[in-house]
Amino acid sequence: SFEMVAQECRAVREAVGLTDLTSFAKYEVIGTDAQPFLERVCANRVPAKIGGIVLSQMLTTLGGIESEATVTCIAKGHYYLLSGAVAELHDLDWLVQHIEPGEDVTVRNVTDDYGVLVLSGPKSREVLSSLTDTGLTNEDGFIWMSAKEITVAGVAVRALRISYVGELGWELHCPMAKLGDLHDALMQAGEAQGIRRFGTYAMNSLRLEKAYKGWGAELTTEISLVEADMLRFARKSGGYIGADVVERKKNEGVPIHLVYCEVDAVDADPMGNEPVMRGDDIIGVTTSGGYGHCVQKSLAFAYVNTGYESAGATFDIRILGELRKATVLSEAAWDPDNERLKS
């Protein structure tokens, strides 16, 4: 599958790709107390402006990363949350269990109500604009990390301008019964631009090139935002569950750090759970990895002991019994300044 995945990756980076992420877990959080409720369970600032989107982690009282979701403000007191497919019941339970007595908050699981198609790539705006009357440019106000309810090929769509692959693109959320119609319209409209479907192997390669971390791999309940180098997603004002632990760890320091590295692999890439070695000592463990087809580098995330987290630090990763040199990178291998996302 190596070359097929490479072709899918190049299509997304050079033209336009389409993938189905209907498996996303989806929730409506509604009520007059919806915003303060979410500000309590989410470490990031919850958007108050209609159409605003943020990525946020939800923490335990011990500061561990319990879950991660994108939070979109649909209307005042109405939020749309998305999280991982495997976390549907887990995250629903987490949200419901944190509603306090007397709070006007309703959480509805709408996972089966909406289908999701992701259109990504430098030609995605060209394809989508041919199917909608809504302006899709930055000048039209449809900027990165914003959402609008629009019509695409006659289908009512919640269009979220976000991307897990690091390219210009949209998540298109539509009624499940209309998913096939929307898919066919996008494929037909994108034919001239070289549209191609891409799958999760390609998505993993593309997100590694962008140094995007994954819940359940890099982000777990064993890890806080400090070790994971995710403090930019934490409100400085605090007020969220686990904030006191995050603040303490930030001030006192932590013994391990998440690093992003390039690996001198040959015919096998890191996948996660490989030991990180310095001489005969194990100094860490990889959490995920793979081949970046568009940067032509083997890439990995790993938690390592303090002292090995600086850019340029080197160590070995044992892959299939052989030690391969790894070098810590200071920025994403692909588009570190997010110019393509914001174009």
Protein backbone atom coordinates (compact mmCIF):
# COMPACT_ATOMS: atom_id res chain seq x y z
CA SER A 1 0.00 0.00 0.00
CA PHE A 2 3.03 2.32 0.29
CA GLU A 3 2.85 3.83 -3.20
CA MET A 4 -0.94 4.08 -3.14
CA VAL A 5 -0.78 6.04 0.11
CA ALA A 6 1.93 8.26 -1.39
CA GLN A 7 -0.33 9.07 -4.35
CA GLU A 8 -3.18 10.00 -2.02
CA CYS A 9 -0.89 12.26 0.02
CA ARG A 10 0.40 14.04 -3.08
CA ALA A 11 -3.16 14.59 -4.31
CA VAL A 12 -4.03 16.39 -1.05
CA ARG A 13 -0.85 18.47 -1.05
CA GLU A 14 -0.87 19.35 -4.76
CA ALA A 15 -4.54 19.35 -5.81
CA VAL A 16 -7.54 18.25 -3.75
CA GLY A 17 -8.58 15.20 -1.77
CA LEU A 18 -11.83 13.95 -0.26
CA THR A 19 -12.29 11.63 2.69
CA ASP A 20 -15.23 10.45 4.78
CA LEU A 21 -15.01 11.18 8.51
CA THR A 22 -18.63 10.46 9.33
CA SER A 23 -17.30 8.34 12.20
CA PHE A 24 -16.53 11.51 14.19
CA ALA A 25 -18.37 11.63 17.50
CA LYS A 26 -20.72 14.64 17.44
CA TYR A 27 -22.61 16.41 20.19
CA GLU A 28 -24.91 19.40 20.56
CA VAL A 29 -24.44 21.29 23.83
CA ILE A 30 -27.36 23.66 24.32
CA GLY A 31 -28.67 25.90 27.09
CA THR A 32 -28.24 29.26 28.79
CA ASP A 33 -25.36 27.79 30.81
CA ALA A 34 -23.71 26.04 27.86
CA GLN A 35 -20.79 28.46 27.60
CA PRO A 36 -19.83 28.52 31.32
CA PHE A 37 -20.29 24.73 31.44
CA LEU A 38 -17.88 24.26 28.53
CA GLU A 39 -15.43 26.76 29.98
CA ARG A 40 -15.30 24.59 33.07
CA VAL A 41 -14.69 21.28 31.28
CA CYS A 42 -12.52 22.68 28.45
CA ALA A 43 -9.01 24.00 29.06
CA ASN A 44 -9.13 26.37 26.08
CA ARG A 45 -11.23 29.50 25.75
CA VAL A 46 -14.67 28.59 24.40
CA PRO A 47 -15.75 30.74 21.42
CA ALA A 48 -18.46 33.29 22.17
CA LYS A 49 -18.66 34.62 18.62
CA ILE A 50 -21.07 32.78 16.34
CA GLY A 51 -19.03 30.73 13.85
CA GLY A 52 -15.95 30.59 16.05
CA ILE A 53 -14.06 27.30 16.42
CA VAL A 54 -11.46 26.22 18.97
CA LEU A 55 -9.61 22.99 19.65
CA SER A 56 -9.63 22.10 23.33
CA GLN A 57 -8.61 19.34 25.65
CA MET A 58 -10.73 18.27 28.64
CA LEU A 59 -8.69 17.44 31.72
CA THR A 60 -9.07 15.29 34.80
CA THR A 61 -8.70 16.74 38.29
CA LEU A 62 -5.15 15.32 38.17
CA GLY A 63 -4.43 17.34 35.03
CA GLY A 64 -4.43 14.37 32.64
CA ILE A 65 -5.88 14.73 29.15
CA GLU A 66 -9.20 12.89 29.30
CA SER A 67 -10.47 13.90 25.86
CA GLU A 68 -10.09 16.38 23.02
CA ALA A 69 -12.74 18.11 20.92
CA THR A 70 -13.30 20.91 18.47
CA VAL A 71 -15.91 23.33 19.80
CA THR A 72 -17.96 25.40 17.35
CA CYS A 73 -20.36 28.16 18.36
CA ILE A 74 -23.49 27.70 16.25
CA ALA A 75 -25.58 30.34 18.06
CA LYS A 76 -25.75 31.90 21.50
CA GLY A 77 -26.08 29.02 23.94
CA HIS A 78 -25.64 26.43 21.17
CA TYR A 79 -22.37 24.56 20.58
CA TYR A 80 -21.38 21.72 18.27
CA LEU A 81 -18.61 19.43 19.53
CA LEU A 82 -16.59 16.89 17.56
CA SER A 83 -14.29 14.22 18.94
CA GLY A 84 -12.77 10.92 17.92
CA ALA A 85 -14.85 8.01 16.68
CA VAL A 86 -13.64 5.64 19.39
CA ALA A 87 -14.53 8.21 22.06
CA GLU A 88 -18.24 8.58 21.27
CA LEU A 89 -19.68 7.07 24.47
CA HIS A 90 -16.61 7.98 26.54
CA ASP A 91 -16.88 11.69 25.75
CA LEU A 92 -20.68 11.73 25.98
CA ASP A 93 -20.40 10.30 29.49
CA TRP A 94 -17.67 12.78 30.42
CA LEU A 95 -19.81 15.73 29.34
CA VAL A 96 -23.04 14.54 30.93
CA GLN A 97 -21.40 13.62 34.24
CA HIS A 98 -20.01 17.15 34.61
CA ILE A 99 -23.34 18.97 34.36
CA GLU A 100 -23.92 20.42 37.82
CA PRO A 101 -27.34 20.46 39.53
CA GLY A 102 -29.39 23.43 38.40
CA GLU A 103 -27.34 24.13 35.26
CA ASP A 104 -29.37 24.76 32.10
CA VAL A 105 -27.33 22.48 29.85
CA THR A 106 -28.46 19.68 27.54
CA VAL A 107 -25.97 17.38 25.80
CA ARG A 108 -27.30 15.45 22.81
CA ASN A 109 -25.39 12.75 20.96
CA VAL A 110 -25.96 13.54 17.25
CA THR A 111 -23.25 11.23 15.88
CA ASP A 112 -25.71 9.31 13.69
CA ASP A 113 -27.50 12.45 12.49
CA TYR A 114 -24.67 13.97 10.49
CA GLY A 115 -22.37 12.64 7.79
CA VAL A 116 -18.98 14.32 7.36
CA LEU A 117 -16.92 14.76 4.22
CA VAL A 118 -13.53 16.45 4.41
CA LEU A 119 -12.38 18.40 1.35
CA SER A 120 -8.69 19.37 1.58
CA GLY A 121 -6.00 20.72 -0.70
CA PRO A 122 -4.92 23.90 -2.50
CA LYS A 123 -7.74 23.47 -5.04
CA SER A 124 -10.46 22.75 -2.46
CA ARG A 125 -11.83 26.30 -2.57
CA GLU A 126 -12.07 26.11 -6.35
CA VAL A 127 -14.08 22.88 -6.13
CA LEU A 128 -16.36 23.98 -3.30
CA SER A 129 -17.07 27.44 -4.74
CA SER A 130 -18.52 25.83 -7.86
CA LEU A 131 -21.24 24.25 -5.71
CA THR A 132 -22.23 27.13 -3.40
CA ASP A 133 -23.17 30.79 -3.57
CA THR A 134 -21.43 31.50 -0.26
CA GLY A 135 -18.12 33.35 -0.46
CA LEU A 136 -15.27 31.13 0.70
CA THR A 137 -12.32 33.53 0.82
CA ASN A 138 -10.70 35.25 3.77
CA GLU A 139 -12.04 38.52 2.38
CA ASP A 140 -15.54 37.05 2.57
CA GLY A 141 -14.98 36.41 6.26
CA PHE A 142 -14.60 32.66 5.89
CA ILE A 143 -11.25 32.45 7.64
CA TRP A 144 -9.37 29.52 9.11
CA MET A 145 -11.00 28.19 12.32
CA SER A 146 -14.45 29.53 11.46
CA ALA A 147 -17.76 27.92 10.51
CA LYS A 148 -20.84 28.84 8.49
CA GLU A 149 -24.11 27.13 7.68
CA ILE A 150 -24.23 27.08 3.88
CA THR A 151 -25.82 25.23 0.97
CA VAL A 152 -23.61 23.00 -1.18
CA ALA A 153 -25.12 21.40 -4.29
CA GLY A 154 -28.56 21.97 -2.78
CA VAL A 155 -27.60 20.28 0.51
CA ALA A 156 -27.71 22.13 3.83
CA VAL A 157 -24.20 21.92 5.28
CA ARG A 158 -22.33 23.03 8.38
CA ALA A 159 -19.01 23.99 6.82
CA LEU A 160 -16.07 24.13 9.24
CA ARG A 161 -12.83 25.56 7.90
CA ILE A 162 -10.44 23.32 9.80
CA SER A 163 -7.97 20.67 8.68
CA TYR A 164 -6.12 17.77 10.31
CA VAL A 165 -3.85 17.46 7.26
CA GLY A 166 -2.54 21.02 7.24
CA GLU A 167 -4.07 22.27 4.00
CA LEU A 168 -6.75 24.70 2.93
CA GLY A 169 -9.99 22.81 3.38
CA TRP A 170 -13.38 22.30 4.96
CA GLU A 171 -15.22 19.72 6.99
CA LEU A 172 -18.71 19.47 5.49
CA HIS A 173 -21.33 18.21 7.95
CA CYS A 174 -24.67 17.35 6.36
CA PRO A 175 -27.78 15.32 7.22
CA MET A 176 -26.84 11.64 6.99
CA ALA A 177 -29.45 10.97 4.29
CA LYS A 178 -27.77 13.55 2.01
CA LEU A 179 -24.21 12.28 2.41
CA GLY A 180 -24.20 10.29 -0.83
CA ASP A 181 -25.57 13.22 -2.84
CA LEU A 182 -22.96 15.57 -1.42
CA HIS A 183 -20.16 13.09 -2.10
CA ASP A 184 -21.18 12.61 -5.72
CA ALA A 185 -21.49 16.35 -6.32
CA LEU A 186 -18.02 17.02 -4.89
CA MET A 187 -16.39 14.22 -6.87
CA GLN A 188 -17.99 15.43 -10.09
CA ALA A 189 -17.09 19.08 -9.43
CA GLY A 190 -13.50 18.16 -8.57
CA GLU A 191 -12.84 15.94 -11.56
CA ALA A 192 -11.17 18.73 -13.54
CA GLN A 193 -8.94 19.59 -10.54
CA GLY A 194 -7.76 16.00 -10.12
CA ILE A 195 -9.76 15.20 -6.99
CA ARG A 196 -8.88 11.93 -5.30
CA ARG A 197 -10.23 10.09 -2.29
CA PHE A 198 -7.74 9.54 0.52
CA GLY A 199 -7.83 7.30 3.56
CA THR A 200 -6.61 7.15 7.12
CA TYR A 201 -3.10 5.92 6.28
CA ALA A 202 -2.63 9.03 4.15
CA MET A 203 -4.19 11.20 6.84
CA ASN A 204 -1.73 9.86 9.40
CA SER A 205 1.20 10.64 7.11
CA LEU A 206 -0.09 14.15 6.43
CA ARG A 207 -0.76 14.98 10.09
CA LEU A 208 2.72 13.75 11.06
CA GLU A 209 4.23 16.12 8.50
CA LYS A 210 2.32 18.93 10.23
CA ALA A 211 3.38 17.74 13.71
CA TYR A 212 -0.26 17.35 14.77
CA LYS A 213 -0.67 15.30 17.91
CA GLY A 214 -3.29 12.61 18.37
CA TRP A 215 -5.62 11.83 21.26
CA GLY A 216 -4.99 8.35 22.62
CA ALA A 217 -1.40 8.39 21.37
CA GLU A 218 0.41 11.61 22.29
CA LEU A 219 -2.45 12.85 24.48
CA THR A 220 -3.58 10.54 27.30
CA THR A 221 -4.73 10.68 30.91
CA GLU A 222 -1.13 9.94 31.98
CA ILE A 223 0.01 13.23 30.43
CA SER A 224 -0.80 16.87 31.12
CA LEU A 225 -0.64 19.80 28.73
CA VAL A 226 2.80 20.60 30.15
CA GLU A 227 4.53 17.34 29.20
CA ALA A 228 2.69 17.32 25.85
CA ASP A 229 3.88 20.86 24.97
CA MET A 230 0.25 21.99 24.63
CA LEU A 231 0.16 24.95 27.00
CA ARG A 232 -0.95 27.23 24.16
CA PHE A 233 -4.34 25.48 24.42
CA ALA A 234 -4.75 26.33 28.12
CA ARG A 235 -6.45 29.52 29.33
CA LYS A 236 -4.01 31.63 31.32
CA SER A 237 -6.89 32.73 33.53
CA GLY A 238 -7.49 29.14 34.66
CA GLY A 239 -10.94 28.23 35.89
CA TYR A 240 -11.08 24.84 34.17
CA ILE A 241 -10.90 21.37 35.67
CA GLY A 242 -7.25 20.46 36.30
CA ALA A 243 -5.97 24.05 35.99
CA ASP A 244 -4.21 23.99 39.35
CA VAL A 245 -2.18 20.92 38.37
CA VAL A 246 -1.23 22.43 35.00
CA GLU A 247 -0.06 25.62 36.73
CA ARG A 248 1.96 23.70 39.30
CA LYS A 249 3.67 21.53 36.70
CA LYS A 250 4.42 24.58 34.57
CA ASN A 251 6.15 26.25 37.52
CA GLU A 252 7.91 23.20 38.98
CA GLY A 253 8.87 21.47 35.73
CA VAL A 254 8.24 17.90 34.57
CA PRO A 255 10.53 14.86 34.13
CA ILE A 256 9.45 13.96 30.57
CA HIS A 257 8.66 15.89 27.41
CA LEU A 258 6.99 15.15 24.09
CA VAL A 259 9.33 15.60 21.11
CA TYR A 260 8.82 15.54 17.37
CA CYS A 261 11.66 13.99 15.46
CA GLU A 262 13.06 12.83 12.15
CA VAL A 263 14.28 9.24 12.08
CA ASP A 264 17.02 7.73 9.93
CA ALA A 265 14.84 4.75 9.08
CA VAL A 266 15.49 2.52 6.07
CA ASP A 267 12.70 0.12 5.17
CA ALA A 268 10.53 0.33 8.32
CA ASP A 269 9.15 3.41 10.06
CA PRO A 270 8.33 3.91 13.74
CA MET A 271 4.68 3.20 14.56
CA GLY A 272 4.52 3.86 18.29
CA ASN A 273 5.65 2.03 21.46
CA GLU A 274 9.24 1.59 20.23
CA PRO A 275 11.87 2.16 22.94
CA VAL A 276 13.97 5.32 22.76
CA MET A 277 17.58 4.60 23.66
CA ARG A 278 20.70 6.50 24.66
CA GLY A 279 23.46 3.95 24.74
CA ASP A 280 22.14 1.03 26.77
CA ASP A 281 19.61 3.16 28.64
CA ILE A 282 15.93 3.49 27.75
CA ILE A 283 15.15 7.22 27.96
CA GLY A 284 11.67 7.23 26.46
CA VAL A 285 9.10 5.68 24.18
CA THR A 286 7.57 6.62 20.84
CA THR A 287 3.83 7.31 20.73
CA SER A 288 3.21 7.33 16.97
CA GLY A 289 5.11 7.59 13.72
CA GLY A 290 5.17 6.94 10.02
CA TYR A 291 6.55 8.10 6.70
CA GLY A 292 5.95 11.65 5.51
CA HIS A 293 5.49 11.04 1.80
CA CYS A 294 5.60 14.70 0.78
CA VAL A 295 8.66 15.64 2.85
CA GLN A 296 10.25 12.23 2.30
CA LYS A 297 11.17 11.77 5.93
CA SER A 298 10.40 9.17 8.56
CA LEU A 299 8.76 11.03 11.45
CA ALA A 300 7.80 10.20 15.02
CA PHE A 301 6.54 11.58 18.30
CA ALA A 302 8.15 10.34 21.51
CA TYR A 303 8.16 11.09 25.22
CA VAL A 304 11.73 11.42 26.42
CA ASN A 305 13.47 12.26 29.69
CA THR A 306 14.22 15.88 30.46
CA GLY A 307 17.50 16.85 28.81
CA TYR A 308 16.68 15.37 25.41
CA GLU A 309 13.83 17.68 24.38
CA SER A 310 15.78 20.52 22.72
CA ALA A 311 15.85 20.89 18.95
CA GLY A 312 18.87 19.09 17.53
CA ALA A 313 19.07 16.55 20.37
CA THR A 314 19.76 13.02 19.15
CA PHE A 315 19.03 9.53 20.40
CA ASP A 316 18.19 6.12 18.96
CA ILE A 317 14.84 4.46 18.32
CA ARG A 318 14.83 0.68 18.20
CA ILE A 319 12.77 -0.39 15.18
CA LEU A 320 12.38 -4.13 14.54
CA GLY A 321 15.43 -4.80 16.73
CA GLU A 322 17.72 -2.25 15.03
CA LEU A 323 18.76 1.14 16.40
CA ARG A 324 17.94 4.11 14.16
CA LYS A 325 19.17 7.62 14.89
CA ALA A 326 16.49 10.23 15.59
CA THR A 327 16.91 14.02 15.70
CA VAL A 328 14.51 16.37 17.48
CA LEU A 329 12.98 18.94 15.13
CA SER A 330 12.15 22.53 16.11
CA GLU A 331 9.09 22.87 13.87
CA ALA A 332 6.71 20.97 11.62
CA ALA A 333 8.32 19.34 8.59
CA TRP A 334 5.55 20.77 6.37
CA ASP A 335 4.37 24.41 6.30
CA PRO A 336 5.43 25.33 9.86
CA ASP A 337 3.96 28.85 9.54
CA ASN A 338 0.48 27.59 8.53
CA GLU A 339 0.52 29.66 5.35
CA ARG A 340 -1.38 27.02 3.39
CA LEU A 341 -4.05 26.58 6.05
CA LYS A 342 -4.69 30.33 6.15
CA SER A 343 -4.55 30.98 2.40
